[in-house]
């Protein structure tokens, strides 16, 4: 008899097999209180580290290297993984989850870790099979299938994922055009000066970068995609291409929760304990919404997972999720980029800057009432973690404010 077919009284079911689910499993570890944990994943391969998809595409790592756990690890922790069998129905009254293959799993506690999917804008031609996102192993597999004979790819969207996709494809010998609607690359983490340095680094790699334009149409014929057209301020231009990757945002996977009677808005609504509107059901990660916020970066998901683990272990305490700033990191062509908190000064805030364009260095610290509320470090990131600590601890920097931009070593004598 398979482990998932055995009847148990106290069962945790997790819908989703991504990074949020894995973080919960690692947090529960050996001492979890459940007879068994069932994980339902829609992909047919074991959990992998999605952060490493770009290095995987670039052949800088392997799938085995980014797969953290063996079958034995799951078995030793009383965890059964159902691959390629997604959940299709949740009966909150009977406390059961039904899957695509018709299996039914009772639960004592249930966790939605269903993640998100790529947002593909509704432009003409976007439904072509050679138009993909960049979020899953299947996206990487599709790119791999297309690489033979592929001359040019277009990446639309220059957030963190879009930049990584462009670099990964270029490392595989493909000519790449990166198109971004905003004039500023990674405009949720960078200001215009930092964006310029990133643009220079990408162009040095041979990636064409076009900003401040909107894609208009994906042009194709019987043999496949042949071009992408985009609108500039004055005209309509196009680039010949054979593959289009959209990195223009994500949509939380909330439909199953909504059909189960759980409150949803942009995502699955949760409180500070990561509890949904239905008892014994939790949600976290890219599928959830807390106080109007949805999520696309890993760091807040780790915070959420810690709260969920405490709830699942029935640990009494004050652990609850709070919004906080996180450190975003990127490395392109040897150029390190770290972004923390605010990157543009709000009202009544002060800005400290240091810039050496020839050396590719740029630092910016934003202060409000003598406390760090944001920082950008480009090229020299040695002090970024210190700036982050100052921000998290709300340290008053007045005594060493004049030397702050030069780093911790220059402030030690006066701190």
Protein backbone atom coordinates (compact mmCIF):
# COMPACT_ATOMS: atom_id res chain seq x y z
CA UNK A 1 0.00 0.00 0.00
CA UNK A 2 1.31 3.44 -0.91
CA UNK A 3 1.85 5.87 1.94
CA UNK A 4 -0.68 8.32 0.48
CA UNK A 5 -3.36 5.60 0.48
CA UNK A 6 -3.03 4.81 4.19
CA UNK A 7 -5.73 6.25 6.40
CA UNK A 8 -4.53 8.71 9.04
CA UNK A 9 -6.31 10.87 11.58
CA UNK A 10 -4.11 13.95 11.61
CA UNK A 11 -3.03 15.02 8.12
CA UNK A 12 -1.60 18.27 6.77
CA UNK A 13 -2.23 18.94 3.09
CA UNK A 14 -0.19 21.54 1.19
CA UNK A 15 -1.41 22.61 -2.25
CA UNK A 16 1.65 23.60 -4.24
CA UNK A 17 5.20 22.31 -4.39
CA UNK A 18 7.18 25.51 -4.88
CA UNK A 19 9.53 27.48 -2.68
CA UNK A 20 6.89 28.48 -0.13
CA UNK A 21 5.80 24.87 0.37
CA UNK A 22 9.40 23.70 0.64
CA UNK A 23 10.17 26.35 3.24
CA UNK A 24 7.27 25.11 5.34
CA UNK A 25 8.42 21.50 5.06
CA UNK A 26 11.92 22.44 6.16
CA UNK A 27 10.53 24.49 9.03
CA UNK A 28 8.35 21.63 10.25
CA UNK A 29 11.29 19.20 9.96
CA UNK A 30 11.47 16.21 12.30
CA UNK A 31 9.18 17.32 15.09
CA UNK A 32 5.99 18.17 13.23
CA UNK A 33 2.78 16.99 14.92
CA UNK A 34 1.16 15.34 11.86
CA UNK A 35 0.78 11.67 11.09
CA UNK A 36 1.50 12.57 7.49
CA UNK A 37 1.98 15.59 5.23
CA UNK A 38 0.62 15.42 1.68
CA UNK A 39 2.03 17.84 -0.91
CA UNK A 40 0.10 18.24 -4.16
CA UNK A 41 2.15 19.63 -7.04
CA UNK A 42 1.02 20.30 -10.60
CA UNK A 43 4.52 19.89 -12.08
CA UNK A 44 5.80 16.38 -12.79
CA UNK A 45 9.27 16.91 -11.32
CA UNK A 46 10.45 17.24 -7.73
CA UNK A 47 10.70 20.60 -6.02
CA UNK A 48 13.51 22.81 -7.35
CA UNK A 49 14.90 26.21 -6.41
CA UNK A 50 13.15 28.60 -8.80
CA UNK A 51 15.63 31.38 -7.97
CA UNK A 52 18.21 29.37 -9.91
CA UNK A 53 16.26 29.12 -13.19
CA UNK A 54 18.39 31.79 -14.85
CA UNK A 55 21.72 30.06 -13.99
CA UNK A 56 20.09 26.81 -15.09
CA UNK A 57 19.18 28.34 -18.45
CA UNK A 58 22.73 29.67 -18.75
CA UNK A 59 24.12 26.16 -18.03
CA UNK A 60 25.85 27.45 -14.92
CA UNK A 61 24.13 24.81 -12.80
CA UNK A 62 22.07 21.63 -13.21
CA UNK A 63 18.57 20.57 -12.21
CA UNK A 64 20.07 18.07 -9.78
CA UNK A 65 22.07 20.83 -8.10
CA UNK A 66 18.98 22.98 -7.55
CA UNK A 67 16.83 20.08 -6.28
CA UNK A 68 17.35 20.25 -2.51
CA UNK A 69 15.78 17.02 -1.24
CA UNK A 70 15.83 13.32 -2.09
CA UNK A 71 12.92 10.91 -1.96
CA UNK A 72 14.41 9.52 1.26
CA UNK A 73 14.31 12.97 2.89
CA UNK A 74 10.57 13.24 2.28
CA UNK A 75 9.92 9.70 3.46
CA UNK A 76 11.97 10.21 6.64
CA UNK A 77 9.87 13.27 7.48
CA UNK A 78 6.51 11.55 6.88
CA UNK A 79 5.92 13.56 3.70
CA UNK A 80 4.24 12.16 0.58
CA UNK A 81 4.59 14.13 -2.66
CA UNK A 82 2.02 13.80 -5.43
CA UNK A 83 3.60 15.10 -8.63
CA UNK A 84 1.58 16.11 -11.67
CA UNK A 85 -1.72 15.77 -9.82
CA UNK A 86 -3.04 19.24 -9.07
CA UNK A 87 -5.83 19.99 -6.64
CA UNK A 88 -9.14 20.79 -8.32
CA UNK A 89 -11.60 21.03 -5.43
CA UNK A 90 -11.55 21.89 -1.75
CA UNK A 91 -14.58 20.96 0.36
CA UNK A 92 -14.18 23.15 3.43
CA UNK A 93 -17.17 21.56 5.19
CA UNK A 94 -15.90 17.98 4.84
CA UNK A 95 -12.25 19.16 5.02
CA UNK A 96 -11.13 17.27 1.93
CA UNK A 97 -9.06 18.10 -1.15
CA UNK A 98 -9.78 16.37 -4.48
CA UNK A 99 -7.21 16.16 -7.26
CA UNK A 100 -7.30 16.00 -11.03
CA UNK A 101 -7.00 12.21 -10.95
CA UNK A 102 -9.97 11.91 -8.58
CA UNK A 103 -8.08 11.19 -5.39
CA UNK A 104 -9.47 12.69 -2.21
CA UNK A 105 -7.35 13.71 0.78
CA UNK A 106 -8.79 14.62 4.19
CA UNK A 107 -6.99 17.35 6.10
CA UNK A 108 -6.69 18.61 9.64
CA UNK A 109 -4.92 21.71 8.36
CA UNK A 110 -4.62 22.96 4.78
CA UNK A 111 -2.10 25.34 3.23
CA UNK A 112 -2.46 27.13 -0.09
CA UNK A 113 1.03 27.61 -1.55
CA UNK A 114 -0.19 27.78 -5.13
CA UNK A 115 2.16 30.55 -6.26
CA UNK A 116 1.52 32.64 -9.33
CA UNK A 117 1.63 32.56 -13.10
CA UNK A 118 3.15 34.92 -15.63
CA UNK A 119 1.01 37.82 -16.77
CA UNK A 120 0.90 37.92 -20.57
CA UNK A 121 -0.55 41.23 -21.79
CA UNK A 122 -3.47 40.93 -24.20
CA UNK A 123 -1.64 42.18 -27.28
CA UNK A 124 -2.16 40.76 -30.75
CA UNK A 125 -0.17 37.56 -31.28
CA UNK A 126 0.54 36.94 -27.58
CA UNK A 127 -1.30 33.61 -27.77
CA UNK A 128 1.33 32.14 -30.09
CA UNK A 129 2.99 28.95 -28.67
CA UNK A 130 6.42 30.57 -28.99
CA UNK A 131 5.35 33.23 -26.48
CA UNK A 132 6.18 32.11 -22.95
CA UNK A 133 6.78 33.34 -19.41
CA UNK A 134 9.81 32.68 -17.23
CA UNK A 135 8.71 31.20 -13.93
CA UNK A 136 8.84 27.41 -14.12
CA UNK A 137 11.00 24.52 -15.27
CA UNK A 138 8.62 24.00 -18.18
CA UNK A 139 9.46 27.54 -19.37
CA UNK A 140 13.16 26.67 -19.30
CA UNK A 141 12.42 23.41 -21.13
CA UNK A 142 10.56 25.34 -23.82
CA UNK A 143 13.51 27.69 -24.26
CA UNK A 144 15.87 24.72 -24.47
CA UNK A 145 13.73 23.16 -27.19
CA UNK A 146 13.84 26.40 -29.20
CA UNK A 147 17.56 27.07 -28.79
CA UNK A 148 18.67 24.94 -31.72
CA UNK A 149 18.77 27.31 -34.65
CA UNK A 150 17.43 30.20 -32.57
CA UNK A 151 19.00 33.46 -33.72
CA UNK A 152 17.12 36.04 -31.73
CA UNK A 153 14.87 36.26 -28.66
CA UNK A 154 12.96 39.20 -27.27
CA UNK A 155 12.39 39.61 -23.55
CA UNK A 156 9.56 41.98 -22.68
CA UNK A 157 9.79 43.40 -19.16
CA UNK A 158 13.03 44.41 -17.44
CA UNK A 159 12.27 43.67 -13.85
CA UNK A 160 14.50 41.25 -11.97
CA UNK A 161 13.25 38.15 -13.83
CA UNK A 162 13.37 39.80 -17.25
CA UNK A 163 16.95 40.93 -16.79
CA UNK A 164 17.96 37.45 -15.63
CA UNK A 165 16.20 35.81 -18.59
CA UNK A 166 17.94 38.13 -21.05
CA UNK A 167 21.35 37.41 -19.55
CA UNK A 168 20.70 33.65 -19.46
CA UNK A 169 19.74 33.55 -23.14
CA UNK A 170 22.71 35.69 -24.15
CA UNK A 171 25.04 33.31 -22.34
CA UNK A 172 23.63 30.54 -24.55
CA UNK A 173 24.71 32.43 -27.66
CA UNK A 174 21.35 33.94 -28.57
CA UNK A 175 21.01 37.57 -29.66
CA UNK A 176 18.62 39.28 -27.26
CA UNK A 177 16.54 42.44 -27.25
CA UNK A 178 15.21 43.54 -23.85
CA UNK A 179 12.15 45.81 -24.04
CA UNK A 180 10.80 47.72 -21.05
CA UNK A 181 7.81 50.02 -20.85
CA UNK A 182 9.32 52.23 -18.14
CA UNK A 183 12.36 54.41 -18.95
CA UNK A 184 14.02 52.96 -15.82
CA UNK A 185 15.11 49.30 -15.73
CA UNK A 186 14.03 47.39 -12.60
CA UNK A 187 11.98 50.45 -11.78
CA UNK A 188 10.63 48.92 -8.55
CA UNK A 189 14.16 48.69 -7.13
CA UNK A 190 16.34 51.23 -8.98
CA UNK A 191 16.47 54.95 -9.74
CA UNK A 192 17.49 56.41 -13.10
CA UNK A 193 21.23 56.56 -12.37
CA UNK A 194 21.36 52.96 -11.17
CA UNK A 195 19.32 51.95 -14.20
CA UNK A 196 21.86 53.60 -16.50
CA UNK A 197 24.67 51.56 -14.98
CA UNK A 198 22.65 48.36 -15.37
CA UNK A 199 21.84 49.28 -18.98
CA UNK A 200 25.54 49.79 -19.72
CA UNK A 201 26.38 46.40 -18.18
CA UNK A 202 23.72 44.66 -20.28
CA UNK A 203 24.85 46.39 -23.45
CA UNK A 204 28.43 45.40 -22.74
CA UNK A 205 27.17 41.80 -22.84
CA UNK A 206 25.73 42.49 -26.28
CA UNK A 207 22.09 42.74 -25.17
CA UNK A 208 20.05 45.41 -26.95
CA UNK A 209 18.07 47.41 -24.38
CA UNK A 210 15.06 49.50 -25.40
CA UNK A 211 13.18 51.44 -22.72
CA UNK A 212 10.12 53.66 -22.61
CA UNK A 213 8.22 51.71 -25.28
CA UNK A 214 5.17 49.46 -25.37
CA UNK A 215 4.95 46.21 -27.36
CA UNK A 216 2.17 46.49 -29.93
CA UNK A 217 2.04 43.17 -31.77
CA UNK A 218 3.80 39.83 -32.13
CA UNK A 219 4.02 39.06 -35.83
CA UNK A 220 4.02 35.44 -36.97
CA UNK A 221 3.50 33.23 -40.00
CA UNK A 222 3.13 29.48 -40.55
CA UNK A 223 6.76 28.84 -39.60
CA UNK A 224 6.62 30.73 -36.30
CA UNK A 225 7.21 34.15 -34.79
CA UNK A 226 9.05 36.53 -37.09
CA UNK A 227 9.02 39.93 -35.34
CA UNK A 228 7.83 42.10 -32.46
CA UNK A 229 6.56 45.60 -33.10
CA UNK A 230 6.63 48.35 -30.48
CA UNK A 231 5.54 51.96 -30.29
CA UNK A 232 8.03 54.73 -29.63
CA UNK A 233 7.12 58.37 -29.10
CA UNK A 234 7.29 59.05 -32.83
CA UNK A 235 6.84 55.84 -34.77
CA UNK A 236 6.18 52.11 -34.84
CA UNK A 237 9.31 49.97 -34.95
CA UNK A 238 9.95 46.25 -35.03
CA UNK A 239 12.66 43.72 -34.31
CA UNK A 240 13.03 40.40 -36.10
CA UNK A 241 12.80 37.62 -33.53
CA UNK A 242 11.81 33.96 -33.17
CA UNK A 243 10.99 33.68 -29.45
CA UNK A 244 9.23 36.07 -27.06
CA UNK A 245 9.51 35.85 -23.27
CA UNK A 246 7.18 37.97 -21.16
CA UNK A 247 8.40 39.05 -17.73
CA UNK A 248 5.75 41.71 -17.21
CA UNK A 249 4.47 40.67 -13.81
CA UNK A 250 2.55 37.85 -12.18
CA UNK A 251 -1.00 36.87 -11.31
CA UNK A 252 -1.65 35.09 -7.98
CA UNK A 253 -3.15 31.60 -8.38
CA UNK A 254 -6.30 32.22 -6.35
CA UNK A 255 -9.03 30.53 -8.42
CA UNK A 256 -9.16 27.27 -6.43
CA UNK A 257 -9.47 29.18 -3.17
CA UNK A 258 -12.18 31.41 -4.62
CA UNK A 259 -14.21 28.42 -5.83
CA UNK A 260 -13.90 26.93 -2.34
CA UNK A 261 -15.59 29.92 -0.71
CA UNK A 262 -12.40 31.47 0.65
CA UNK A 263 -12.17 35.25 0.52
CA UNK A 264 -9.99 36.53 -2.31
CA UNK A 265 -9.22 39.89 -3.85
CA UNK A 266 -6.05 40.23 -5.91
CA UNK A 267 -4.79 37.20 -3.99
CA UNK A 268 -6.02 34.87 -1.25
CA UNK A 269 -6.74 37.16 1.69
CA UNK A 270 -4.89 36.38 4.93
CA UNK A 271 -4.47 37.98 8.33
CA UNK A 272 -1.24 38.51 10.28
CA UNK A 273 -1.26 34.80 11.23
CA UNK A 274 -1.48 33.89 7.51
CA UNK A 275 -4.96 32.49 8.17
CA UNK A 276 -7.60 32.68 5.45
CA UNK A 277 -11.28 33.38 6.03
CA UNK A 278 -11.89 29.65 6.66
CA UNK A 279 -10.75 27.90 9.82
CA UNK A 280 -7.68 25.63 9.59
CA UNK A 281 -6.74 26.97 6.14
CA UNK A 282 -3.64 29.11 5.56
CA UNK A 283 -2.08 30.76 2.52
CA UNK A 284 1.33 32.25 1.86
CA UNK A 285 3.66 33.35 -0.89
CA UNK A 286 2.77 34.66 -4.31
CA UNK A 287 -0.83 33.43 -4.09
CA UNK A 288 -1.73 35.42 -0.97
CA UNK A 289 -2.68 38.99 -0.20
CA UNK A 290 -2.02 40.71 3.12
CA UNK A 291 -3.24 44.24 3.82
CA UNK A 292 -3.52 44.94 0.11
CA UNK A 293 -0.02 43.64 -0.69
CA UNK A 294 0.84 40.75 -2.99
CA UNK A 295 4.30 39.25 -3.37
CA UNK A 296 6.86 38.40 -6.03
CA UNK A 297 10.17 38.28 -4.14
CA UNK A 298 11.42 35.45 -1.96
CA UNK A 299 12.38 37.30 1.24
CA UNK A 300 8.85 38.14 2.46
CA UNK A 301 7.76 34.57 1.72
CA UNK A 302 10.39 33.31 4.17
CA UNK A 303 8.90 35.57 6.85
CA UNK A 304 5.43 34.27 6.06
CA UNK A 305 6.60 30.65 6.17
CA UNK A 306 7.97 31.13 9.69
CA UNK A 307 4.55 32.33 10.84
CA UNK A 308 2.75 29.44 9.14
CA UNK A 309 5.14 26.88 10.66
CA UNK A 310 4.40 28.21 14.15
CA UNK A 311 0.68 27.97 13.44
CA UNK A 312 0.97 24.42 12.12
CA UNK A 313 3.00 23.37 15.14
CA UNK A 314 0.39 24.94 17.42
CA UNK A 315 3.06 27.07 19.04
CA UNK A 316 1.46 29.65 21.29
CA UNK A 317 3.17 32.99 20.91
CA UNK A 318 3.10 36.36 19.28
CA UNK A 319 4.60 35.35 15.90
CA UNK A 320 2.82 37.29 13.21
CA UNK A 321 3.62 38.60 9.77
CA UNK A 322 4.55 42.24 9.32
CA UNK A 323 5.53 44.11 6.18
CA UNK A 324 9.19 45.09 6.08
CA UNK A 325 11.78 46.08 3.53
CA UNK A 326 14.14 43.52 2.07
CA UNK A 327 17.45 43.43 0.27
CA UNK A 328 17.22 42.76 -3.48
CA UNK A 329 20.38 41.49 -5.18
CA UNK A 330 21.43 41.18 -8.82
CA UNK A 331 24.78 40.53 -10.50
CA UNK A 332 25.19 41.30 -14.22
CA UNK A 333 28.51 41.13 -16.07
CA UNK A 334 30.37 41.45 -12.78
CA UNK A 335 28.26 44.45 -11.72
CA UNK A 336 26.74 43.95 -8.27
CA UNK A 337 23.43 45.67 -7.59
CA UNK A 338 21.82 45.82 -4.15
CA UNK A 339 18.58 47.68 -3.42
CA UNK A 340 17.08 48.20 0.03
CA UNK A 341 13.83 49.91 0.99
CA UNK A 342 13.11 53.28 -0.59
CA UNK A 343 15.04 54.10 -3.75
CA UNK A 344 13.50 57.52 -4.37
CA UNK A 345 13.38 60.09 -1.58
CA UNK A 346 9.86 60.74 -0.25
CA UNK A 347 8.78 64.10 1.09
CA UNK A 348 10.88 65.49 3.96
CA UNK A 349 13.66 62.94 3.35
CA UNK A 350 17.34 63.61 2.65
CA UNK A 351 19.62 61.91 0.13
CA UNK A 352 23.32 61.13 0.34
CA UNK A 353 25.04 60.10 -2.89
CA UNK A 354 28.43 59.01 -4.17
CA UNK A 355 29.10 58.44 -7.87
CA UNK A 356 32.10 57.34 -9.94
CA UNK A 357 30.75 56.48 -13.37
CA UNK A 358 34.14 55.52 -14.80
CA UNK A 359 34.51 52.83 -12.14
CA UNK A 360 30.85 51.83 -12.31
CA UNK A 361 30.20 52.89 -8.71
CA UNK A 362 27.06 54.50 -7.38
CA UNK A 363 25.77 54.68 -3.82
CA UNK A 364 22.66 56.39 -2.56
CA UNK A 365 21.31 56.52 0.97
CA UNK A 366 17.92 57.97 1.85
CA UNK A 367 17.44 59.34 5.37
CA UNK A 368 14.38 60.51 7.22
CA UNK A 369 14.72 61.98 10.70
CA UNK A 370 18.33 60.73 10.76
CA UNK A 371 17.33 57.12 10.10
CA UNK A 372 18.06 55.05 7.01
CA UNK A 373 14.91 54.28 5.03
CA UNK A 374 16.56 53.12 1.82
CA UNK A 375 19.83 52.51 0.01
CA UNK A 376 21.19 51.67 -3.43
CA UNK A 377 24.65 50.15 -3.84
CA UNK A 378 25.94 49.64 -7.38
CA UNK A 379 29.40 48.24 -8.03
CA UNK A 380 30.45 48.42 -4.37
CA UNK A 381 28.02 46.42 -2.20
CA UNK A 382 30.32 45.73 0.77
CA UNK A 383 28.24 47.87 3.12
CA UNK A 384 24.75 47.03 1.88
CA UNK A 385 24.05 44.57 4.69
CA UNK A 386 25.18 47.15 7.25
CA UNK A 387 22.85 49.76 5.75
CA UNK A 388 20.08 47.18 5.92
CA UNK A 389 20.79 46.55 9.61
CA UNK A 390 20.75 50.28 10.31
CA UNK A 391 17.36 50.50 8.61
CA UNK A 392 15.90 47.45 10.37
CA UNK A 393 17.12 48.62 13.78
CA UNK A 394 16.04 52.21 13.09
CA UNK A 395 19.44 53.44 14.22
CA UNK A 396 19.89 57.19 14.57
CA UNK A 397 22.88 57.98 12.32
CA UNK A 398 23.25 61.65 13.20
CA UNK A 399 26.65 61.16 14.87
CA UNK A 400 28.21 59.65 11.73
CA UNK A 401 25.88 60.98 9.06
CA UNK A 402 28.65 62.86 7.18
CA UNK A 403 30.67 59.65 6.70
CA UNK A 404 27.76 57.25 6.18
CA UNK A 405 28.01 57.13 2.39
CA UNK A 406 31.62 55.89 2.64
CA UNK A 407 30.69 52.79 4.62
CA UNK A 408 30.93 51.21 8.05
CA UNK A 409 34.73 51.37 8.31
CA UNK A 410 34.65 55.16 8.11
CA UNK A 411 31.98 55.41 10.80
CA UNK A 412 33.38 53.08 13.46
CA UNK A 413 35.30 55.76 15.33
CA UNK A 414 32.29 58.01 15.67
CA UNK A 415 29.44 55.48 15.90
